[in-house]
Each structure stands twice: as C-alpha cells, then as structure tokens.
Amino acid sequence: MSTQHPDNVNHPFFSGNSELGGEDEIKEVFYTFSHMHSQEQLWDCEGKEVDNFVVKKLLSKYEHYFRKNKLGKDVFLTLRVPNPSVEKNEAKILLETLESIPRNFDAAKAFYDDDIAPIFEIALPMTTDYRELVRISKYYKQYVVGKQHNKLGNDMTIAQWIGKFKPESLRIIPLIEDKESILNPENIVEPFLKEEKTEEYQRVWLARSDPALNYGNLATVLMLKVSLQKLRDIQEKLSIDILPILGCGSAPFRGNFKPTNIKNCVQGYPSIYTYTLQSAFKYDYGMDDVTDAVKFLNETRPSNPVSVDEKRCVSIIEKLMSEYRKQVKLLGESINNMSPYIPPRRKRKLHIGLFGYSRSVGDLKLPRAITFCASLYSYGLPPEIIGLNALDEKDIDYIKDIYANFDNDLRDSLKYLNKDNLSVFPKEIVDKIDKISGIVKYDVDKKHKKVTSIILEDLKRKDHRLLSENITRAGFIRGFLG
C-alpha cells in the first residue's frame, strides 16, 4: 500500500516542487500503480487541499492504463478518513468523504460500464472502540445509501430522481495506534465482526510510527508482536481471515522498512499481509531497488506470527516506556529547537496523531513522528536508542529470541550516532547513551557525523538557511528525512 507520509528527502521526478500537493498527488497514484507496481494507494481525506474527485481525475487523465487495470479489481484506492472522536474540527470531512463514494462509483461505472466499486474500503485512524467503526458503517448504509429509498413528498424516490447509490456497504479498517488497543485488539476486532456480521476477511491496520513516538521504538516492536499473535487467535476463534496491515517507514525508529532491508522486515513480521510504502521508500532509493522490493512483497505469502510470551513482553514494554518518556522529557527543548527547520514535504496538514506528550509528560508538546525523528537524527542522536538502558541482560537475550533483527536494526540506528554532539543534551542522557552504545558493535557513518556536527554549529549560530540545507544533506545520506 503506497501512502502519502512525508518522510522523503528527494522529491519525485513528476513534481517540480519539494512539497507535493494537488495534481501531483494524482500523478503519484498513477506512478505507484504503473511504475512501482504497488497494488494499493492510500488516499488521505484529512487536512487541506483534499481532492474528492480523485477517481474521475485518474480515469480521465490516465485512460489507457485504467482500461487495462480496473480500479477496484486490479488496483485499489483506500481512503483514510478523520476520526470524529478525536479530530473534532475535521469531523464533517468524514461525512463529505462518505457522500463522495457513490459519486466516485458513478464515475467508474460510466468509464467501465460495470458495477465495480472503485472505493469500497476506508481506514479509521486512532480507533480505540469498535463502536467508532460501527457508526461509520451504519451512517453510510442508513444516510448515504439509505436515503435513495426516501420519497420527495408524494413524488418519486431519491433513487428515481438521482439514480441508485452504490456500493451498498463499505469495509471499515481499524487503524490502531494506542498501547492498550494494540495489546488488546480483540476488544475492537471481535465485537465489530460480530456486530457487522463480516464475511470472508477483515483487515486490521497496526500503526508503527506514532506508537514509537509515544512509547519508544523497541516497546512498539514488542507491542506489535503481541498484537499479531492475538489477531491470529481471533482468526482461529471466529473462522474469518484477519489480514494485518503494518504502517511502517524507512527510518529504523519507524520500522526500518526500506527497499534494501525488505527481507529482514518480512522475516520479523511474517503474518503481515500489507506493508505501507511511504514516500522515502518510493523516492529516496534507486528505481530498480524499489521495484524489486515491491515485486518481492507482492509475491510473498504470509505465514504464522512470531510466538511470544505476552506477560514477559508487557513487563519489558512497561520498563522501556517509562525510561523512554523520562528521557524524552529531558530532550524536549532540544527537539523543539530543531523541528522548525525540518523541510516540509506535503502541502496538506496530515492527521493530528492519537495524543501528544501534553497528556502524559507535563506540558511538553512534541512534533509528529517524522519531524521528531528528523530532529533527533539531525543532532546525531538516533531516537531508537532512547530508553534502552532500562534493559537488563535477560531482557536483551529474550528480545533477541523473538526479534531476529534486533542487532541489525540497532546497528542501522547507531551508525548515525554523533557522540561529539551529545554535550548539548543533559548529562543524564549522555551517560545512558554510553551504556547503550555497547550493546552491539557498529560502524559510524563518517559523512553523516560530519554533517550533523555542521548542523549543530548552524543551530548555535542561528543560521537558519544553512540549517535546513544541511538537515536535508544528512537526510540524503540516511535515505530518509525522518
């Protein structure tokens, strides 16, 4: 699933602007289908400049491609909508988006002369309660499609006047982002399946970036392993296929999911059916590497999840999370000093995230995950290592048993460590990082170290123009912005 997450350094060849938006995102959908051979595109229906006419524009602009590759059958467009329980200011965008689905159906029917729904699945971010999913499903059935049967006075029905409304129902995908819900997906998935009487399959999307921001990188990995094991249990209990989606990015902190590390990721999460291909994955690597990786993913068949001891994992998660949050509180001022200079990559305002640190760490507010990562990497402090000092040797041994890529991912992180820059942080942080850096042997990326040293000097001199340029240079070296 190609997504619109702005973690890229390079801008794509089809855009003359470093910030994608508007018509460029229409081009992006076509590009990911036709050149990358991705089978699915996520379309964000949150924020500014959202285009609800995406289906009509795709079919009219790229007629030759979509005649051969049917939208809704061969390639897929999935919408991510605002969650009214959390995003109050954008709640009505959900209703506008639901109303647009039958119109998009009509556009595809006119193009194909067939009843294939071009959009039939939507993802709800920050899902914490199954009733949030049920509300969307029922609203669509009762008030979007259902109104076609209403009569206008003593005259004709709305369907007779306007035409039929299709598809008659939608598949709703929970996007689960908070710790309690990730660790207990059965509380969302089971009652929703029973309420909806879902047939054949249910997709469940587990977040990777925002949980890492809120709880720490390693804690999130362990949470996901517990969750995937439970999702398989739900599948066996209810005899319905559960198809997990993992929302991962190229930065180690956000999944280490990049074209050059694809096999390790699949080995780490063998039960995942769908991975998100974010912007760095698509635009910061060679085209051959990208298409080879997508081909590998398309041909890989999921298997059983890694078996874990839930109680032991939860115990380690709590230790890691507590230490991570303490350290992030100490780092907050430094992060917020750097974050304004991280270059933007999308013109739209992306969704707000489940919660900020203002709810859990005093009054500290931090940027979103991509900017958070980019800020710390720009200092030469890989965010993956924050809080790892909470582990003892037995913890590390167990983690290595269930997390085969632990050493590899940690090396990929530590190579961006610049110990010369650590003096800018509180001494408590420096002492703990010294302990962590001895867990595995690693080689420092000297080019990245040099650039991050320059970045710190730029920050001290308040040379804001050079600061953003050098932040971008460091991102080129890493292969992702944040």
Protein backbone atom coordinates (compact mmCIF):
# COMPACT_ATOMS: atom_id res chain seq x y z
CA MET A 1 0.00 0.00 0.00
CA SER A 2 1.57 3.25 -1.17
CA THR A 3 0.89 6.12 1.25
CA GLN A 4 1.37 9.89 1.41
CA HIS A 5 3.57 10.02 4.53
CA PRO A 6 6.12 12.86 4.03
CA ASP A 7 9.32 11.12 5.18
CA ASN A 8 11.21 11.56 1.88
CA VAL A 9 14.28 13.69 1.14
CA ASN A 10 14.09 13.65 -2.69
CA HIS A 11 11.01 14.90 -4.47
CA PRO A 12 9.65 12.62 -7.22
CA PHE A 13 10.52 13.20 -10.87
CA PHE A 14 6.92 14.04 -11.76
CA SER A 15 6.87 17.01 -9.38
CA GLY A 16 8.81 20.24 -9.76
CA ASN A 17 8.11 21.12 -6.13
CA SER A 18 9.60 19.62 -2.97
CA GLU A 19 6.14 19.85 -1.37
CA LEU A 20 3.66 17.50 -3.01
CA GLY A 21 0.05 18.55 -3.23
CA GLY A 22 -2.93 18.93 -5.54
CA GLU A 23 -2.41 17.45 -9.00
CA ASP A 24 1.00 16.00 -8.06
CA GLU A 25 -0.75 13.55 -5.76
CA ILE A 26 -2.97 12.41 -8.63
CA LYS A 27 0.20 11.76 -10.64
CA GLU A 28 1.63 9.92 -7.65
CA VAL A 29 -1.26 7.43 -7.62
CA PHE A 30 -0.72 6.62 -11.29
CA TYR A 31 3.06 6.39 -10.80
CA THR A 32 2.84 3.96 -7.89
CA PHE A 33 0.46 1.71 -9.83
CA SER A 34 2.12 1.83 -13.25
CA HIS A 35 5.84 2.13 -12.45
CA MET A 36 6.25 0.70 -8.96
CA HIS A 37 3.53 -1.95 -9.38
CA SER A 38 2.07 -1.25 -5.97
CA GLN A 39 -1.39 -2.79 -5.75
CA GLU A 40 -2.97 -0.20 -3.47
CA GLN A 41 -2.84 3.54 -2.80
CA LEU A 42 -3.94 5.19 0.42
CA TRP A 43 -5.72 8.49 -0.17
CA ASP A 44 -5.76 10.85 2.80
CA CYS A 45 -9.09 12.61 3.31
CA GLU A 46 -7.79 14.74 6.18
CA GLY A 47 -6.46 18.28 6.12
CA LYS A 48 -6.35 20.92 3.40
CA GLU A 49 -6.43 20.59 -0.37
CA VAL A 50 -8.03 17.15 -0.27
CA ASP A 51 -9.37 16.07 -3.66
CA ASN A 52 -12.56 14.01 -3.51
CA PHE A 53 -12.67 13.78 -7.32
CA VAL A 54 -9.60 11.55 -7.40
CA VAL A 55 -11.33 8.64 -9.21
CA LYS A 56 -12.70 10.81 -12.03
CA LYS A 57 -9.34 12.53 -12.49
CA LEU A 58 -7.41 9.25 -12.58
CA LEU A 59 -9.73 7.64 -15.12
CA SER A 60 -9.83 10.66 -17.41
CA LYS A 61 -6.13 11.55 -17.22
CA TYR A 62 -4.74 8.01 -17.47
CA GLU A 63 -7.42 6.31 -19.53
CA HIS A 64 -5.08 3.90 -21.33
CA TYR A 65 -3.69 2.46 -18.08
CA PHE A 66 -7.02 2.13 -16.27
CA ARG A 67 -8.71 0.47 -19.26
CA LYS A 68 -6.28 -2.40 -18.76
CA ASN A 69 -6.08 -2.21 -14.96
CA LYS A 70 -9.50 -1.86 -13.37
CA LEU A 71 -9.70 0.36 -10.31
CA GLY A 72 -11.35 -1.64 -7.54
CA LYS A 73 -10.44 -5.00 -9.08
CA ASP A 74 -6.79 -4.97 -10.24
CA VAL A 75 -5.56 -1.93 -8.31
CA PHE A 76 -7.14 -0.38 -5.25
CA LEU A 77 -7.75 3.02 -3.71
CA THR A 78 -8.32 3.09 0.05
CA LEU A 79 -9.43 6.20 1.90
CA ARG A 80 -8.21 7.33 5.31
CA VAL A 81 -10.84 9.50 6.97
CA PRO A 82 -10.84 11.69 10.09
CA ASN A 83 -11.94 10.12 13.37
CA PRO A 84 -14.74 12.30 14.82
CA SER A 85 -13.95 11.02 18.33
CA VAL A 86 -10.53 12.69 18.18
CA GLU A 87 -10.39 15.15 15.27
CA LYS A 88 -13.39 17.31 16.18
CA ASN A 89 -12.51 20.14 13.80
CA GLU A 90 -12.44 17.77 10.82
CA ALA A 91 -15.34 15.52 11.81
CA LYS A 92 -17.64 16.66 9.00
CA ILE A 93 -14.95 15.85 6.43
CA LEU A 94 -15.81 12.22 7.26
CA LEU A 95 -19.40 12.79 6.13
CA GLU A 96 -18.32 14.64 2.98
CA THR A 97 -15.99 11.75 2.14
CA LEU A 98 -18.70 9.14 2.65
CA GLU A 99 -21.06 11.14 0.42
CA SER A 100 -18.39 11.20 -2.32
CA ILE A 101 -18.13 7.41 -2.55
CA PRO A 102 -21.34 6.82 -4.60
CA ARG A 103 -20.31 9.69 -6.91
CA ASN A 104 -16.94 8.02 -7.47
CA PHE A 105 -18.81 4.77 -8.13
CA ASP A 106 -20.84 6.52 -10.85
CA ALA A 107 -17.65 7.87 -12.45
CA ALA A 108 -16.17 4.37 -12.61
CA LYS A 109 -19.42 2.84 -13.89
CA ALA A 110 -19.53 5.37 -16.73
CA PHE A 111 -15.91 4.53 -17.57
CA TYR A 112 -16.06 0.73 -17.32
CA ASP A 113 -19.78 0.12 -17.92
CA ASP A 114 -19.53 -2.23 -14.96
CA ASP A 115 -20.59 -2.25 -11.30
CA ILE A 116 -17.08 -2.49 -9.83
CA ALA A 117 -16.75 -0.14 -6.85
CA PRO A 118 -13.53 1.88 -7.23
CA ILE A 119 -13.59 2.62 -3.48
CA PHE A 120 -15.02 0.13 -1.00
CA GLU A 121 -12.63 0.28 1.98
CA ILE A 122 -11.87 3.12 4.36
CA ALA A 123 -9.43 3.26 7.28
CA LEU A 124 -10.28 4.98 10.56
CA PRO A 125 -7.20 6.29 12.39
CA MET A 126 -6.84 6.22 16.19
CA THR A 127 -9.54 3.56 16.60
CA THR A 128 -9.98 2.69 20.28
CA ASP A 129 -13.59 1.42 20.34
CA TYR A 130 -15.39 -0.92 17.93
CA ARG A 131 -18.42 1.37 18.04
CA GLU A 132 -16.45 4.04 16.15
CA LEU A 133 -16.31 1.61 13.23
CA VAL A 134 -19.95 0.58 13.55
CA ARG A 135 -21.09 4.22 13.45
CA ILE A 136 -19.38 4.79 10.11
CA SER A 137 -20.78 1.60 8.64
CA LYS A 138 -24.31 2.36 9.80
CA TYR A 139 -24.16 6.02 8.78
CA TYR A 140 -23.12 5.03 5.28
CA LYS A 141 -25.85 2.39 4.97
CA GLN A 142 -28.63 4.49 6.52
CA TYR A 143 -27.87 8.07 5.50
CA VAL A 144 -25.69 7.90 2.38
CA VAL A 145 -27.04 4.88 0.52
CA GLY A 146 -30.24 4.51 2.54
CA LYS A 147 -31.66 7.89 1.59
CA GLN A 148 -32.18 6.75 -2.00
CA HIS A 149 -35.38 4.99 -0.90
CA ASN A 150 -36.92 8.15 0.59
CA LYS A 151 -39.73 9.83 -1.31
CA LEU A 152 -39.72 13.53 -2.06
CA GLY A 153 -43.23 14.34 -0.84
CA ASN A 154 -45.71 12.39 -2.92
CA ASP A 155 -43.32 12.39 -5.86
CA MET A 156 -40.57 9.93 -6.85
CA THR A 157 -37.87 8.43 -4.64
CA ILE A 158 -34.41 9.98 -4.50
CA ALA A 159 -33.06 6.95 -6.41
CA GLN A 160 -35.61 7.53 -9.19
CA TRP A 161 -34.62 11.18 -9.33
CA ILE A 162 -30.81 10.99 -8.90
CA GLY A 163 -30.04 7.34 -9.66
CA LYS A 164 -29.07 4.42 -7.44
CA PHE A 165 -26.43 4.81 -4.72
CA LYS A 166 -23.64 2.24 -4.72
CA PRO A 167 -21.75 0.44 -3.25
CA GLU A 168 -24.39 -0.58 -0.73
CA SER A 169 -21.86 -1.08 2.08
CA LEU A 170 -18.22 -0.40 2.95
CA ARG A 171 -15.44 -2.33 4.60
CA ILE A 172 -14.07 -0.37 7.56
CA ILE A 173 -10.43 -0.88 8.59
CA PRO A 174 -9.48 -0.01 12.18
CA LEU A 175 -6.14 1.81 12.34
CA ILE A 176 -4.96 1.03 15.87
CA GLU A 177 -2.38 3.37 17.38
CA ASP A 178 -2.53 3.40 21.21
CA LYS A 179 -0.86 0.90 23.53
CA GLU A 180 -3.97 -0.55 25.17
CA SER A 181 -5.69 -1.14 21.84
CA ILE A 182 -2.59 -2.60 20.16
CA LEU A 183 -2.07 -5.01 23.06
CA ASN A 184 -5.77 -5.93 23.14
CA PRO A 185 -7.04 -5.87 19.54
CA GLU A 186 -9.70 -8.42 20.43
CA ASN A 187 -11.63 -5.67 22.25
CA ILE A 188 -12.08 -3.86 18.93
CA VAL A 189 -11.99 -6.56 16.27
CA GLU A 190 -14.18 -9.28 17.82
CA PRO A 191 -17.26 -7.17 18.69
CA PHE A 192 -17.02 -5.32 15.38
CA LEU A 193 -17.01 -8.56 13.40
CA LYS A 194 -19.98 -9.87 15.37
CA GLU A 195 -21.94 -6.61 15.04
CA GLU A 196 -21.26 -6.27 11.32
CA LYS A 197 -21.57 -9.99 10.55
CA THR A 198 -18.45 -9.56 8.42
CA GLU A 199 -17.80 -12.23 5.81
CA GLU A 200 -14.60 -13.61 4.27
CA TYR A 201 -11.99 -11.28 5.77
CA GLN A 202 -11.21 -8.27 7.95
CA ARG A 203 -8.19 -6.01 7.53
CA VAL A 204 -6.62 -4.58 10.70
CA TRP A 205 -4.03 -1.81 10.47
CA LEU A 206 -1.41 -1.59 13.22
CA ALA A 207 0.48 1.70 13.48
CA ARG A 208 4.26 1.75 13.85
CA SER A 209 5.36 5.43 13.90
CA ASP A 210 3.06 7.13 16.38
CA PRO A 211 3.36 4.33 18.96
CA ALA A 212 7.15 4.61 18.66
CA LEU A 213 6.86 8.35 19.27
CA ASN A 214 4.62 7.84 22.29
CA TYR A 215 6.11 4.71 23.86
CA GLY A 216 9.54 4.18 22.30
CA ASN A 217 10.80 2.14 19.36
CA LEU A 218 11.53 -1.22 20.98
CA ALA A 219 8.43 -1.10 23.17
CA THR A 220 6.40 -0.69 19.97
CA VAL A 221 8.07 -3.68 18.29
CA LEU A 222 7.14 -5.87 21.28
CA MET A 223 3.58 -4.49 21.34
CA LEU A 224 3.14 -5.36 17.67
CA LYS A 225 4.35 -8.92 18.19
CA VAL A 226 1.81 -9.41 20.98
CA SER A 227 -0.93 -7.89 18.84
CA LEU A 228 -0.18 -10.01 15.77
CA GLN A 229 -0.27 -13.15 17.89
CA LYS A 230 -3.69 -12.13 19.24
CA LEU A 231 -5.01 -11.33 15.77
CA ARG A 232 -4.13 -14.85 14.68
CA ASP A 233 -6.03 -16.15 17.75
CA ILE A 234 -9.09 -14.11 16.69
CA GLN A 235 -8.87 -15.60 13.20
CA GLU A 236 -8.91 -19.13 14.59
CA LYS A 237 -11.67 -18.37 17.09
CA LEU A 238 -14.08 -16.71 14.62
CA SER A 239 -13.06 -18.59 11.45
CA ILE A 240 -12.57 -15.41 9.46
CA ASP A 241 -9.34 -14.31 7.82
CA ILE A 242 -7.66 -11.44 9.67
CA LEU A 243 -5.34 -9.58 7.28
CA PRO A 244 -2.94 -7.30 9.20
CA ILE A 245 -1.52 -4.09 7.73
CA LEU A 246 1.70 -2.65 9.18
CA GLY A 247 2.20 1.11 8.88
CA CYS A 248 5.99 1.32 8.69
CA GLY A 249 8.52 3.87 7.41
CA SER A 250 12.15 3.79 6.29
CA ALA A 251 13.72 5.19 9.49
CA PRO A 252 14.68 2.43 11.96
CA PHE A 253 12.53 4.27 14.54
CA ARG A 254 9.55 3.93 12.22
CA GLY A 255 10.14 0.31 11.10
CA ASN A 256 13.42 0.24 9.11
CA PHE A 257 11.20 -0.64 6.16
CA LYS A 258 13.26 0.34 3.12
CA PRO A 259 13.90 -1.40 -0.21
CA THR A 260 17.37 -2.52 0.91
CA ASN A 261 16.04 -4.16 4.13
CA ILE A 262 12.83 -5.69 2.88
CA LYS A 263 13.58 -9.36 3.55
CA ASN A 264 14.56 -8.69 7.16
CA CYS A 265 11.28 -6.85 7.74
CA VAL A 266 9.20 -9.68 6.30
CA GLN A 267 11.14 -12.15 8.45
CA GLY A 268 10.37 -10.02 11.51
CA TYR A 269 6.63 -9.79 10.79
CA PRO A 270 5.77 -12.96 8.84
CA SER A 271 1.99 -12.65 9.31
CA ILE A 272 1.64 -9.18 7.77
CA TYR A 273 -0.46 -9.07 4.58
CA THR A 274 0.10 -5.42 3.67
CA TYR A 275 3.01 -3.04 4.28
CA THR A 276 2.86 0.71 3.78
CA LEU A 277 5.23 2.10 1.15
CA GLN A 278 5.85 5.60 2.41
CA SER A 279 7.47 8.44 0.49
CA ALA A 280 11.12 7.75 1.43
CA PHE A 281 10.68 4.13 0.30
CA LYS A 282 9.42 5.36 -3.08
CA TYR A 283 11.66 8.36 -3.78
CA ASP A 284 14.92 8.01 -1.81
CA TYR A 285 16.18 4.76 -3.36
CA GLY A 286 17.06 3.59 -6.85
CA MET A 287 14.11 2.64 -9.03
CA ASP A 288 15.38 -0.92 -9.51
CA ASP A 289 15.68 -1.41 -5.74
CA VAL A 290 12.15 -0.11 -5.26
CA THR A 291 10.51 -2.24 -7.96
CA ASP A 292 12.43 -5.35 -6.88
CA ALA A 293 11.27 -4.81 -3.30
CA VAL A 294 7.64 -4.32 -4.35
CA LYS A 295 7.82 -7.44 -6.53
CA PHE A 296 9.18 -9.41 -3.56
CA LEU A 297 6.34 -8.16 -1.35
CA ASN A 298 3.68 -8.94 -3.95
CA GLU A 299 4.99 -12.50 -4.28
CA THR A 300 5.47 -13.17 -0.55
CA ARG A 301 2.76 -15.19 1.17
CA PRO A 302 2.16 -14.50 4.88
CA SER A 303 2.59 -17.21 7.50
CA ASN A 304 2.10 -17.52 11.25
CA PRO A 305 3.25 -14.68 13.53
CA VAL A 306 6.28 -14.96 15.80
CA SER A 307 5.27 -16.70 19.04
CA VAL A 308 5.84 -14.54 22.14
CA ASP A 309 5.27 -14.67 25.90
CA GLU A 310 2.69 -11.92 26.35
CA LYS A 311 3.29 -11.32 30.07
CA ARG A 312 7.04 -11.10 29.62
CA CYS A 313 6.69 -8.74 26.68
CA VAL A 314 4.31 -6.46 28.59
CA SER A 315 6.71 -6.35 31.55
CA ILE A 316 9.58 -5.27 29.28
CA ILE A 317 7.33 -2.79 27.47
CA GLU A 318 6.47 -1.03 30.74
CA LYS A 319 10.15 -0.72 31.70
CA LEU A 320 11.12 0.63 28.29
CA MET A 321 8.20 3.03 28.08
CA SER A 322 8.83 4.54 31.50
CA GLU A 323 12.51 5.20 30.78
CA TYR A 324 11.82 6.44 27.25
CA ARG A 325 9.34 9.04 28.45
CA LYS A 326 11.68 10.29 31.17
CA GLN A 327 14.42 10.83 28.62
CA VAL A 328 12.16 12.40 26.00
CA LYS A 329 11.05 14.93 28.60
CA LEU A 330 14.71 15.90 29.06
CA LEU A 331 15.19 16.11 25.27
CA GLY A 332 12.02 18.06 24.55
CA GLU A 333 13.56 21.53 24.41
CA SER A 334 16.32 20.38 22.04
CA ILE A 335 13.82 18.64 19.76
CA ASN A 336 11.60 21.71 19.60
CA ASN A 337 14.61 23.92 18.86
CA MET A 338 15.45 21.82 15.77
CA SER A 339 11.99 20.87 14.50
CA PRO A 340 11.01 24.22 12.87
CA TYR A 341 13.85 23.76 10.35
CA ILE A 342 12.83 20.30 9.11
CA PRO A 343 11.76 20.89 5.48
CA PRO A 344 8.09 20.06 4.72
CA ARG A 345 7.24 17.51 2.02
CA ARG A 346 3.43 17.70 1.70
CA LYS A 347 1.20 20.74 1.36
CA ARG A 348 -1.62 19.13 3.28
CA LYS A 349 -1.93 19.02 7.03
CA LEU A 350 -1.77 15.33 7.93
CA HIS A 351 -3.80 13.82 10.74
CA ILE A 352 -3.05 15.01 14.25
CA GLY A 353 -2.00 11.75 15.87
CA LEU A 354 -3.51 9.95 18.82
CA PHE A 355 -2.15 12.16 21.57
CA GLY A 356 0.69 14.49 22.35
CA TYR A 357 3.03 14.39 25.29
CA SER A 358 1.00 17.21 26.80
CA ARG A 359 -1.26 14.46 28.19
CA SER A 360 1.46 12.31 29.66
CA VAL A 361 4.66 14.27 30.24
CA GLY A 362 3.71 17.54 31.91
CA ASP A 363 3.21 20.39 29.47
CA LEU A 364 5.72 19.13 26.91
CA LYS A 365 4.42 19.13 23.35
CA LEU A 366 6.40 17.50 20.57
CA PRO A 367 6.16 17.41 16.75
CA ARG A 368 4.73 14.48 14.79
CA ALA A 369 6.79 11.32 14.38
CA ILE A 370 8.57 12.18 11.11
CA THR A 371 9.67 15.62 12.31
CA PHE A 372 10.56 14.20 15.74
CA CYS A 373 12.83 11.62 14.10
CA ALA A 374 14.38 14.11 11.69
CA SER A 375 15.15 16.49 14.56
CA LEU A 376 16.99 13.89 16.62
CA TYR A 377 18.86 12.35 13.67
CA SER A 378 19.97 15.88 12.78
CA TYR A 379 21.62 16.18 16.18
CA GLY A 380 23.27 12.79 15.66
CA LEU A 381 21.08 11.15 18.32
CA PRO A 382 19.20 8.16 16.87
CA PRO A 383 15.80 8.05 18.60
CA GLU A 384 15.77 4.22 18.59
CA ILE A 385 18.28 4.10 21.45
CA ILE A 386 16.30 6.32 23.83
CA GLY A 387 15.29 4.27 26.88
CA LEU A 388 17.19 1.08 26.00
CA ASN A 389 19.27 1.44 29.18
CA ALA A 390 16.23 0.08 31.05
CA LEU A 391 17.01 -3.42 29.72
CA ASP A 392 18.99 -5.99 31.67
CA GLU A 393 20.90 -8.89 30.09
CA LYS A 394 18.00 -11.33 30.47
CA ASP A 395 15.68 -8.87 28.73
CA ILE A 396 18.11 -8.48 25.84
CA ASP A 397 18.52 -12.26 25.49
CA TYR A 398 14.75 -12.74 25.32
CA ILE A 399 14.29 -9.87 22.88
CA LYS A 400 16.89 -11.37 20.56
CA ASP A 401 14.98 -14.68 20.66
CA ILE A 402 11.74 -13.13 19.39
CA TYR A 403 13.15 -10.16 17.44
CA ALA A 404 15.62 -11.65 14.99
CA ASN A 405 16.61 -8.27 13.54
CA PHE A 406 17.34 -6.57 16.87
CA ASP A 407 21.11 -6.34 16.31
CA ASN A 408 20.74 -5.40 12.65
CA ASP A 409 18.21 -2.64 13.35
CA LEU A 410 20.29 -1.31 16.24
CA ARG A 411 23.39 -1.14 14.02
CA ASP A 412 21.37 0.69 11.37
CA SER A 413 20.47 3.19 14.07
CA LEU A 414 23.80 3.58 15.87
CA LYS A 415 25.72 4.37 12.71
CA TYR A 416 24.05 7.80 12.85
CA LEU A 417 25.23 8.46 16.42
CA ASN A 418 27.47 11.51 16.79
CA LYS A 419 28.94 11.40 20.29
CA ASP A 420 30.68 14.73 19.69
CA ASN A 421 27.27 16.43 19.65
CA LEU A 422 25.91 14.86 22.83
CA SER A 423 27.25 17.63 25.06
CA VAL A 424 24.24 19.71 24.02
CA PHE A 425 21.98 17.31 25.98
CA PRO A 426 21.68 16.83 29.77
CA LYS A 427 24.48 14.72 31.33
CA GLU A 428 21.96 12.07 32.39
CA ILE A 429 21.18 11.42 28.71
CA VAL A 430 24.87 11.23 27.76
CA ASP A 431 25.67 8.67 30.48
CA LYS A 432 22.78 6.42 29.43
CA ILE A 433 23.68 6.57 25.75
CA ASP A 434 27.24 5.49 26.55
CA LYS A 435 25.81 2.36 28.18
CA ILE A 436 23.53 1.58 25.23
CA SER A 437 26.15 2.02 22.52
CA GLY A 438 27.99 -1.03 23.86
CA ILE A 439 25.13 -3.48 23.20
CA VAL A 440 26.28 -4.19 19.63
CA LYS A 441 29.36 -3.45 17.55
CA TYR A 442 28.71 -0.82 14.92
CA ASP A 443 30.45 1.49 12.47
CA VAL A 444 29.72 5.21 12.49
CA ASP A 445 28.76 6.80 9.17
CA LYS A 446 31.51 9.41 8.96
CA LYS A 447 29.78 11.54 6.33
CA HIS A 448 26.64 11.74 8.44
CA LYS A 449 28.66 12.53 11.55
CA LYS A 450 30.40 15.40 9.75
CA VAL A 451 27.13 16.90 8.53
CA THR A 452 25.42 16.63 11.93
CA SER A 453 28.39 18.43 13.51
CA ILE A 454 27.85 21.24 11.00
CA ILE A 455 24.11 21.23 11.75
CA LEU A 456 24.77 21.82 15.45
CA GLU A 457 27.06 24.72 14.62
CA ASP A 458 24.38 26.16 12.30
CA LEU A 459 21.84 25.89 15.13
CA LYS A 460 24.13 27.62 17.61
CA ARG A 461 24.80 30.44 15.12
CA LYS A 462 21.10 30.61 14.24
CA ASP A 463 21.99 30.27 10.57
CA HIS A 464 18.54 29.06 9.61
CA ARG A 465 19.03 28.92 5.84
CA LEU A 466 22.09 26.68 6.06
CA LEU A 467 20.46 24.68 8.85
CA SER A 468 17.61 23.44 6.64
CA GLU A 469 20.03 22.74 3.77
CA ASN A 470 22.30 20.64 6.00
CA ILE A 471 19.36 18.82 7.56
CA THR A 472 18.43 17.82 4.01
CA ARG A 473 22.05 16.77 3.28
CA ALA A 474 22.01 14.48 6.32
CA GLY A 475 18.69 13.03 5.13
CA PHE A 476 20.23 12.24 1.72
CA ILE A 477 22.93 10.21 3.49
CA ARG A 478 20.41 8.27 5.58
CA GLY A 479 17.93 7.65 2.76
CA PHE A 480 15.03 9.26 4.63
CA LEU A 481 14.15 12.58 6.21
CA GLY A 482 12.58 11.28 9.39
